[in-house]
Amino acid sequence: MNIIDSEVSNEIFNQLKATMMTSYGHHIDFLSKLPLYHEDDHHIYVHAGLNPSVMDWKNQSEHDFMYIKDEFIRHTFENLNKKVIFGHTRTMDIHGTSDIWFSDDKIGIDGGCAYGMQLNCLIFQEGLYITEQVKNC
């Protein structure tokens, strides 16, 4: 990337950022106040995943909650006794399809909608998982 491309990219980024703050600042404020995870009797819900090298996952870094990928996906969390439901990593990159990915200890729900793939919905009801998809977002 040359200097001109970099300046144009920065200018566009700054314009988008200003528009988002002006038009959607209340959404950003709301999202910034949400916890990094939610836990119930059956699941741990997190944006990206859990860092397997952190003894107590609740004490991992904000960065890991938001961005961890491969080391989380490859690791088996046998001692959690709960499934971890996560996004951030497209299921296409995990198992070759945009459909929800189920493993023994994790459920990946990111169908790649931001990339024109699909939006996944997962409902847990009476011990069963119900899935829905919207193709070609």
N, C-alpha and C. Protein backbone atom coordinates (compact mmCIF):
# COMPACT_ATOMS: atom_id res chain seq x y z
N MET A 1 0.85 -1.17 0.00
CA MET A 1 0.00 0.00 0.00
C MET A 1 0.90 1.23 0.00
N ASN A 2 0.62 2.16 -0.91
CA ASN A 2 1.42 3.37 -0.93
C ASN A 2 0.83 4.44 -0.01
N ILE A 3 1.51 5.57 0.11
CA ILE A 3 1.10 6.62 1.04
C ILE A 3 -0.28 7.16 0.70
N ILE A 4 -0.57 7.35 -0.58
CA ILE A 4 -1.87 7.88 -0.99
C ILE A 4 -2.98 6.91 -0.61
N ASP A 5 -2.79 5.61 -0.89
CA ASP A 5 -3.79 4.61 -0.51
C ASP A 5 -4.01 4.61 0.99
N SER A 6 -2.93 4.73 1.74
CA SER A 6 -3.01 4.73 3.20
C SER A 6 -3.81 5.94 3.68
N GLU A 7 -3.53 7.11 3.08
CA GLU A 7 -4.25 8.32 3.48
C GLU A 7 -5.73 8.22 3.13
N VAL A 8 -6.06 7.68 1.97
CA VAL A 8 -7.46 7.51 1.57
C VAL A 8 -8.13 6.51 2.51
N SER A 9 -7.47 5.42 2.81
CA SER A 9 -8.03 4.43 3.72
C SER A 9 -8.26 5.03 5.09
N ASN A 10 -7.32 5.79 5.60
CA ASN A 10 -7.48 6.44 6.90
C ASN A 10 -8.61 7.46 6.87
N GLU A 11 -8.71 8.20 5.77
CA GLU A 11 -9.78 9.19 5.64
C GLU A 11 -11.15 8.51 5.63
N ILE A 12 -11.28 7.44 4.86
CA ILE A 12 -12.54 6.71 4.81
C ILE A 12 -12.86 6.11 6.18
N PHE A 13 -11.86 5.52 6.82
CA PHE A 13 -12.05 4.96 8.15
C PHE A 13 -12.54 6.03 9.13
N ASN A 14 -11.89 7.19 9.11
CA ASN A 14 -12.28 8.26 10.03
C ASN A 14 -13.68 8.78 9.73
N GLN A 15 -14.06 8.85 8.45
CA GLN A 15 -15.42 9.26 8.09
C GLN A 15 -16.44 8.24 8.59
N LEU A 16 -16.15 6.97 8.40
CA LEU A 16 -17.06 5.93 8.87
C LEU A 16 -17.19 5.95 10.39
N LYS A 17 -16.07 6.12 11.06
CA LYS A 17 -16.07 6.18 12.52
C LYS A 17 -16.92 7.36 13.01
N ALA A 18 -16.75 8.52 12.38
CA ALA A 18 -17.53 9.70 12.77
C ALA A 18 -19.02 9.49 12.51
N THR A 19 -19.36 8.87 11.39
CA THR A 19 -20.76 8.59 11.08
C THR A 19 -21.35 7.61 12.09
N MET A 20 -20.59 6.59 12.42
CA MET A 20 -21.08 5.61 13.40
C MET A 20 -21.31 6.28 14.75
N MET A 21 -20.39 7.11 15.18
CA MET A 21 -20.55 7.76 16.49
C MET A 21 -21.72 8.74 16.48
N THR A 22 -21.92 9.44 15.37
CA THR A 22 -23.02 10.41 15.27
C THR A 22 -24.37 9.70 15.18
N SER A 23 -24.45 8.71 14.30
CA SER A 23 -25.74 8.07 14.03
C SER A 23 -26.04 6.89 14.96
N TYR A 24 -25.00 6.23 15.44
CA TYR A 24 -25.22 5.00 16.20
C TYR A 24 -24.49 5.01 17.54
N GLY A 25 -24.15 6.18 18.03
CA GLY A 25 -23.42 6.29 19.28
C GLY A 25 -24.12 5.61 20.44
N HIS A 26 -25.45 5.69 20.47
CA HIS A 26 -26.19 5.05 21.56
C HIS A 26 -26.06 3.53 21.51
N HIS A 27 -25.96 2.97 20.31
CA HIS A 27 -25.74 1.52 20.17
C HIS A 27 -24.34 1.14 20.66
N ILE A 28 -23.37 1.93 20.25
CA ILE A 28 -21.99 1.66 20.66
C ILE A 28 -21.86 1.79 22.17
N ASP A 29 -22.51 2.78 22.74
CA ASP A 29 -22.48 2.96 24.20
C ASP A 29 -23.10 1.74 24.88
N PHE A 30 -24.25 1.29 24.38
CA PHE A 30 -24.90 0.10 24.95
C PHE A 30 -24.00 -1.12 24.86
N LEU A 31 -23.44 -1.37 23.69
CA LEU A 31 -22.58 -2.54 23.50
C LEU A 31 -21.33 -2.48 24.37
N SER A 32 -20.78 -1.29 24.55
CA SER A 32 -19.56 -1.17 25.35
C SER A 32 -19.79 -1.47 26.83
N LYS A 33 -21.04 -1.43 27.27
CA LYS A 33 -21.36 -1.68 28.68
C LYS A 33 -21.74 -3.14 28.95
N LEU A 34 -21.83 -3.95 27.91
CA LEU A 34 -22.20 -5.35 28.10
C LEU A 34 -21.04 -6.14 28.70
N PRO A 35 -21.34 -7.19 29.46
CA PRO A 35 -20.26 -8.03 29.99
C PRO A 35 -19.60 -8.81 28.86
N LEU A 36 -18.40 -9.30 29.12
CA LEU A 36 -17.64 -10.04 28.11
C LEU A 36 -18.12 -11.47 27.93
N TYR A 37 -18.92 -11.95 28.86
CA TYR A 37 -19.48 -13.30 28.74
C TYR A 37 -20.77 -13.38 29.53
N HIS A 38 -21.53 -14.42 29.26
CA HIS A 38 -22.71 -14.74 30.06
C HIS A 38 -22.65 -16.23 30.33
N GLU A 39 -23.07 -16.62 31.50
CA GLU A 39 -23.04 -18.03 31.88
C GLU A 39 -24.38 -18.40 32.50
N ASP A 40 -24.89 -19.57 32.11
CA ASP A 40 -26.09 -20.10 32.76
C ASP A 40 -25.80 -21.55 33.17
N ASP A 41 -26.81 -22.30 33.49
CA ASP A 41 -26.61 -23.67 33.98
C ASP A 41 -26.03 -24.61 32.93
N HIS A 42 -26.22 -24.30 31.65
CA HIS A 42 -25.83 -25.22 30.59
C HIS A 42 -24.70 -24.72 29.68
N HIS A 43 -24.55 -23.39 29.60
CA HIS A 43 -23.65 -22.82 28.59
C HIS A 43 -22.85 -21.64 29.13
N ILE A 44 -21.75 -21.38 28.42
CA ILE A 44 -20.99 -20.15 28.55
C ILE A 44 -21.08 -19.48 27.19
N TYR A 45 -21.55 -18.25 27.15
CA TYR A 45 -21.71 -17.51 25.89
C TYR A 45 -20.62 -16.45 25.83
N VAL A 46 -19.89 -16.45 24.74
CA VAL A 46 -18.77 -15.52 24.61
C VAL A 46 -18.60 -15.17 23.14
N HIS A 47 -18.06 -13.99 22.89
CA HIS A 47 -17.89 -13.56 21.50
C HIS A 47 -16.94 -14.48 20.73
N ALA A 48 -15.74 -14.66 21.24
CA ALA A 48 -14.73 -15.41 20.48
C ALA A 48 -14.37 -16.75 21.10
N GLY A 49 -14.18 -16.80 22.40
CA GLY A 49 -13.80 -18.08 23.00
C GLY A 49 -13.09 -17.91 24.32
N LEU A 50 -12.54 -19.01 24.79
CA LEU A 50 -11.82 -19.05 26.06
C LEU A 50 -10.37 -19.44 25.80
N ASN A 51 -9.49 -18.84 26.56
CA ASN A 51 -8.08 -19.14 26.42
C ASN A 51 -7.74 -20.37 27.27
N PRO A 52 -7.36 -21.48 26.64
CA PRO A 52 -7.09 -22.70 27.41
C PRO A 52 -5.88 -22.60 28.33
N SER A 53 -5.03 -21.60 28.15
CA SER A 53 -3.86 -21.49 29.01
C SER A 53 -4.13 -20.66 30.27
N VAL A 54 -5.34 -20.13 30.41
CA VAL A 54 -5.71 -19.37 31.60
C VAL A 54 -6.49 -20.31 32.52
N MET A 55 -5.98 -20.50 33.73
CA MET A 55 -6.56 -21.46 34.66
C MET A 55 -8.05 -21.19 34.92
N ASP A 56 -8.40 -19.97 35.27
CA ASP A 56 -9.79 -19.60 35.49
C ASP A 56 -10.21 -18.71 34.32
N TRP A 57 -10.99 -19.25 33.41
CA TRP A 57 -11.33 -18.55 32.17
C TRP A 57 -11.95 -17.18 32.42
N LYS A 58 -12.60 -16.97 33.55
CA LYS A 58 -13.21 -15.67 33.86
C LYS A 58 -12.16 -14.58 34.03
N ASN A 59 -10.92 -14.98 34.26
CA ASN A 59 -9.84 -14.02 34.45
C ASN A 59 -9.00 -13.79 33.21
N GLN A 60 -9.42 -14.33 32.08
CA GLN A 60 -8.64 -14.12 30.86
C GLN A 60 -8.78 -12.67 30.40
N SER A 61 -7.94 -12.28 29.47
CA SER A 61 -7.93 -10.89 29.00
C SER A 61 -9.16 -10.59 28.15
N GLU A 62 -9.51 -9.31 28.12
CA GLU A 62 -10.60 -8.85 27.25
C GLU A 62 -10.29 -9.22 25.80
N HIS A 63 -9.03 -9.10 25.42
CA HIS A 63 -8.61 -9.43 24.06
C HIS A 63 -8.96 -10.88 23.72
N ASP A 64 -8.69 -11.81 24.64
CA ASP A 64 -9.03 -13.21 24.38
C ASP A 64 -10.53 -13.42 24.24
N PHE A 65 -11.33 -12.80 25.11
CA PHE A 65 -12.78 -12.91 25.00
C PHE A 65 -13.26 -12.47 23.62
N MET A 66 -12.60 -11.46 23.06
CA MET A 66 -13.06 -10.86 21.81
C MET A 66 -12.41 -11.42 20.55
N TYR A 67 -11.19 -11.98 20.66
CA TYR A 67 -10.46 -12.29 19.44
C TYR A 67 -9.83 -13.67 19.34
N ILE A 68 -9.79 -14.44 20.42
CA ILE A 68 -9.11 -15.74 20.35
C ILE A 68 -9.77 -16.61 19.27
N LYS A 69 -8.99 -17.45 18.63
CA LYS A 69 -9.53 -18.33 17.59
C LYS A 69 -8.97 -19.74 17.71
N ASP A 70 -7.91 -20.00 16.98
CA ASP A 70 -7.43 -21.37 16.77
C ASP A 70 -7.12 -22.13 18.06
N GLU A 71 -6.40 -21.52 18.98
CA GLU A 71 -6.04 -22.27 20.19
C GLU A 71 -7.28 -22.65 20.99
N PHE A 72 -8.31 -21.81 20.97
CA PHE A 72 -9.58 -22.13 21.62
C PHE A 72 -10.29 -23.27 20.90
N ILE A 73 -10.38 -23.16 19.59
CA ILE A 73 -11.13 -24.15 18.81
C ILE A 73 -10.46 -25.52 18.88
N ARG A 74 -9.14 -25.57 18.85
CA ARG A 74 -8.42 -26.85 18.87
C ARG A 74 -8.42 -27.52 20.25
N HIS A 75 -8.63 -26.75 21.30
CA HIS A 75 -8.54 -27.29 22.66
C HIS A 75 -9.87 -27.94 23.07
N THR A 76 -9.79 -29.01 23.86
CA THR A 76 -10.98 -29.64 24.42
C THR A 76 -11.10 -29.23 25.88
N PHE A 77 -12.24 -28.65 26.22
CA PHE A 77 -12.49 -28.19 27.59
C PHE A 77 -13.31 -29.24 28.32
N GLU A 78 -12.63 -30.25 28.85
CA GLU A 78 -13.30 -31.37 29.49
C GLU A 78 -13.84 -31.04 30.88
N ASN A 79 -13.25 -30.08 31.56
CA ASN A 79 -13.61 -29.80 32.95
C ASN A 79 -14.67 -28.71 33.13
N LEU A 80 -15.13 -28.11 32.06
CA LEU A 80 -16.12 -27.04 32.19
C LEU A 80 -17.51 -27.56 32.54
N ASN A 81 -17.86 -28.72 32.06
CA ASN A 81 -19.20 -29.29 32.24
C ASN A 81 -20.29 -28.41 31.64
N LYS A 82 -19.91 -27.56 30.71
CA LYS A 82 -20.83 -26.70 29.97
C LYS A 82 -20.28 -26.54 28.57
N LYS A 83 -21.18 -26.32 27.62
CA LYS A 83 -20.73 -26.02 26.26
C LYS A 83 -20.48 -24.52 26.15
N VAL A 84 -19.47 -24.19 25.37
CA VAL A 84 -19.16 -22.79 25.10
C VAL A 84 -19.78 -22.44 23.75
N ILE A 85 -20.68 -21.46 23.75
CA ILE A 85 -21.30 -20.99 22.51
C ILE A 85 -20.58 -19.71 22.12
N PHE A 86 -20.07 -19.69 20.89
CA PHE A 86 -19.22 -18.58 20.46
C PHE A 86 -19.47 -18.22 19.01
N GLY A 87 -19.02 -17.04 18.65
CA GLY A 87 -19.03 -16.56 17.27
C GLY A 87 -17.61 -16.23 16.86
N HIS A 88 -17.45 -15.14 16.14
CA HIS A 88 -16.16 -14.57 15.75
C HIS A 88 -15.40 -15.40 14.71
N THR A 89 -15.39 -16.70 14.84
CA THR A 89 -14.74 -17.55 13.83
C THR A 89 -15.83 -18.16 12.96
N ARG A 90 -15.73 -17.90 11.66
CA ARG A 90 -16.75 -18.44 10.75
C ARG A 90 -16.73 -19.97 10.81
N THR A 91 -17.90 -20.56 10.89
CA THR A 91 -17.98 -22.02 10.92
C THR A 91 -17.43 -22.62 9.63
N MET A 92 -17.49 -21.88 8.54
CA MET A 92 -16.90 -22.34 7.27
C MET A 92 -15.42 -22.65 7.46
N ASP A 93 -14.76 -21.86 8.30
CA ASP A 93 -13.33 -22.05 8.56
C ASP A 93 -13.07 -23.20 9.53
N ILE A 94 -14.10 -23.65 10.22
CA ILE A 94 -13.94 -24.74 11.18
C ILE A 94 -14.28 -26.09 10.55
N HIS A 95 -15.43 -26.15 9.84
CA HIS A 95 -15.85 -27.45 9.32
C HIS A 95 -16.35 -27.41 7.88
N GLY A 96 -15.98 -26.35 7.16
CA GLY A 96 -16.22 -26.33 5.72
C GLY A 96 -17.64 -25.99 5.29
N THR A 97 -18.50 -25.59 6.22
CA THR A 97 -19.85 -25.17 5.88
C THR A 97 -20.25 -24.03 6.81
N SER A 98 -21.20 -23.22 6.37
CA SER A 98 -21.66 -22.09 7.19
C SER A 98 -22.65 -22.51 8.27
N ASP A 99 -23.04 -23.77 8.26
CA ASP A 99 -23.98 -24.25 9.28
C ASP A 99 -23.33 -24.25 10.66
N ILE A 100 -24.16 -24.20 11.68
CA ILE A 100 -23.67 -24.22 13.06
C ILE A 100 -22.80 -25.45 13.28
N TRP A 101 -21.69 -25.24 13.98
CA TRP A 101 -20.74 -26.32 14.27
C TRP A 101 -20.93 -26.79 15.71
N PHE A 102 -21.19 -28.07 15.86
CA PHE A 102 -21.35 -28.66 17.18
C PHE A 102 -20.17 -29.59 17.46
N SER A 103 -19.56 -29.41 18.63
CA SER A 103 -18.57 -30.38 19.11
C SER A 103 -19.00 -30.77 20.52
N ASP A 104 -18.24 -31.63 21.16
CA ASP A 104 -18.61 -32.08 22.50
C ASP A 104 -18.65 -30.94 23.52
N ASP A 105 -17.78 -29.94 23.34
CA ASP A 105 -17.67 -28.89 24.35
C ASP A 105 -17.90 -27.47 23.82
N LYS A 106 -18.15 -27.33 22.52
CA LYS A 106 -18.30 -26.01 21.91
C LYS A 106 -19.39 -26.04 20.85
N ILE A 107 -19.96 -24.86 20.62
CA ILE A 107 -20.90 -24.66 19.51
C ILE A 107 -20.52 -23.35 18.84
N GLY A 108 -20.13 -23.42 17.57
CA GLY A 108 -19.80 -22.23 16.80
C GLY A 108 -21.00 -21.80 15.98
N ILE A 109 -21.37 -20.53 16.07
CA ILE A 109 -22.59 -20.08 15.42
C ILE A 109 -22.37 -19.05 14.30
N ASP A 110 -21.14 -18.62 14.06
CA ASP A 110 -20.88 -17.57 13.07
C ASP A 110 -20.94 -18.15 11.66
N GLY A 111 -22.05 -17.92 11.00
CA GLY A 111 -22.25 -18.43 9.64
C GLY A 111 -21.64 -17.57 8.55
N GLY A 112 -20.95 -16.51 8.91
CA GLY A 112 -20.29 -15.67 7.93
C GLY A 112 -21.20 -14.67 7.26
N CYS A 113 -22.25 -14.24 7.94
CA CYS A 113 -23.19 -13.29 7.36
C CYS A 113 -22.50 -12.01 6.90
N ALA A 114 -21.52 -11.54 7.64
CA ALA A 114 -20.80 -10.32 7.27
C ALA A 114 -20.06 -10.48 5.94
N TYR A 115 -19.88 -11.73 5.51
CA TYR A 115 -19.19 -12.03 4.25
C TYR A 115 -20.16 -12.54 3.19
N GLY A 116 -21.47 -12.30 3.39
CA GLY A 116 -22.48 -12.70 2.42
C GLY A 116 -22.88 -14.16 2.50
N MET A 117 -22.51 -14.84 3.56
CA MET A 117 -22.82 -16.26 3.68
C MET A 117 -24.20 -16.43 4.35
N GLN A 118 -24.26 -16.80 5.62
CA GLN A 118 -25.57 -16.97 6.25
C GLN A 118 -25.56 -16.52 7.70
N LEU A 119 -26.75 -16.20 8.17
CA LEU A 119 -26.97 -15.84 9.56
C LEU A 119 -27.57 -17.04 10.26
N ASN A 120 -26.95 -17.47 11.35
CA ASN A 120 -27.43 -18.64 12.08
C ASN A 120 -28.15 -18.22 13.35
N CYS A 121 -29.15 -19.00 13.69
CA CYS A 121 -29.88 -18.81 14.94
C CYS A 121 -29.88 -20.14 15.67
N LEU A 122 -29.59 -20.10 16.96
CA LEU A 122 -29.56 -21.31 17.78
C LEU A 122 -30.49 -21.09 18.97
N ILE A 123 -31.42 -21.98 19.15
CA ILE A 123 -32.35 -21.94 20.28
C ILE A 123 -32.11 -23.20 21.11
N PHE A 124 -31.95 -23.02 22.40
CA PHE A 124 -31.82 -24.14 23.32
C PHE A 124 -33.10 -24.18 24.14
N GLN A 125 -33.86 -25.25 23.94
CA GLN A 125 -35.16 -25.33 24.58
C GLN A 125 -35.42 -26.76 25.05
N GLU A 126 -35.67 -26.90 26.34
CA GLU A 126 -35.96 -28.20 26.92
C GLU A 126 -34.89 -29.24 26.59
N GLY A 127 -33.63 -28.82 26.66
CA GLY A 127 -32.51 -29.71 26.43
C GLY A 127 -32.19 -30.00 24.98
N LEU A 128 -32.89 -29.38 24.05
CA LEU A 128 -32.67 -29.61 22.61
C LEU A 128 -32.20 -28.34 21.93
N TYR A 129 -31.40 -28.51 20.89
CA TYR A 129 -30.93 -27.39 20.08
C TYR A 129 -31.76 -27.32 18.81
N ILE A 130 -32.30 -26.15 18.54
CA ILE A 130 -33.07 -25.90 17.33
C ILE A 130 -32.27 -24.87 16.53
N THR A 131 -32.05 -25.14 15.26
CA THR A 131 -31.26 -24.24 14.44
C THR A 131 -32.09 -23.68 13.29
N GLU A 132 -31.80 -22.48 12.91
CA GLU A 132 -32.39 -21.81 11.75
C GLU A 132 -31.28 -21.06 11.04
N GLN A 133 -31.41 -20.91 9.73
CA GLN A 133 -30.43 -20.16 8.95
C GLN A 133 -31.14 -19.24 7.97
N VAL A 134 -30.51 -18.11 7.74
CA VAL A 134 -30.90 -17.21 6.67
C VAL A 134 -29.73 -17.20 5.71
N LYS A 135 -29.92 -17.76 4.53
CA LYS A 135 -28.84 -17.87 3.55
C LYS A 135 -28.61 -16.55 2.82
N ASN A 136 -27.41 -16.35 2.37
CA ASN A 136 -27.03 -15.20 1.54
C ASN A 136 -27.44 -13.87 2.14
N CYS A 137 -26.90 -13.58 3.29
CA CYS A 137 -27.21 -12.29 3.98
C CYS A 137 -26.83 -11.13 3.10
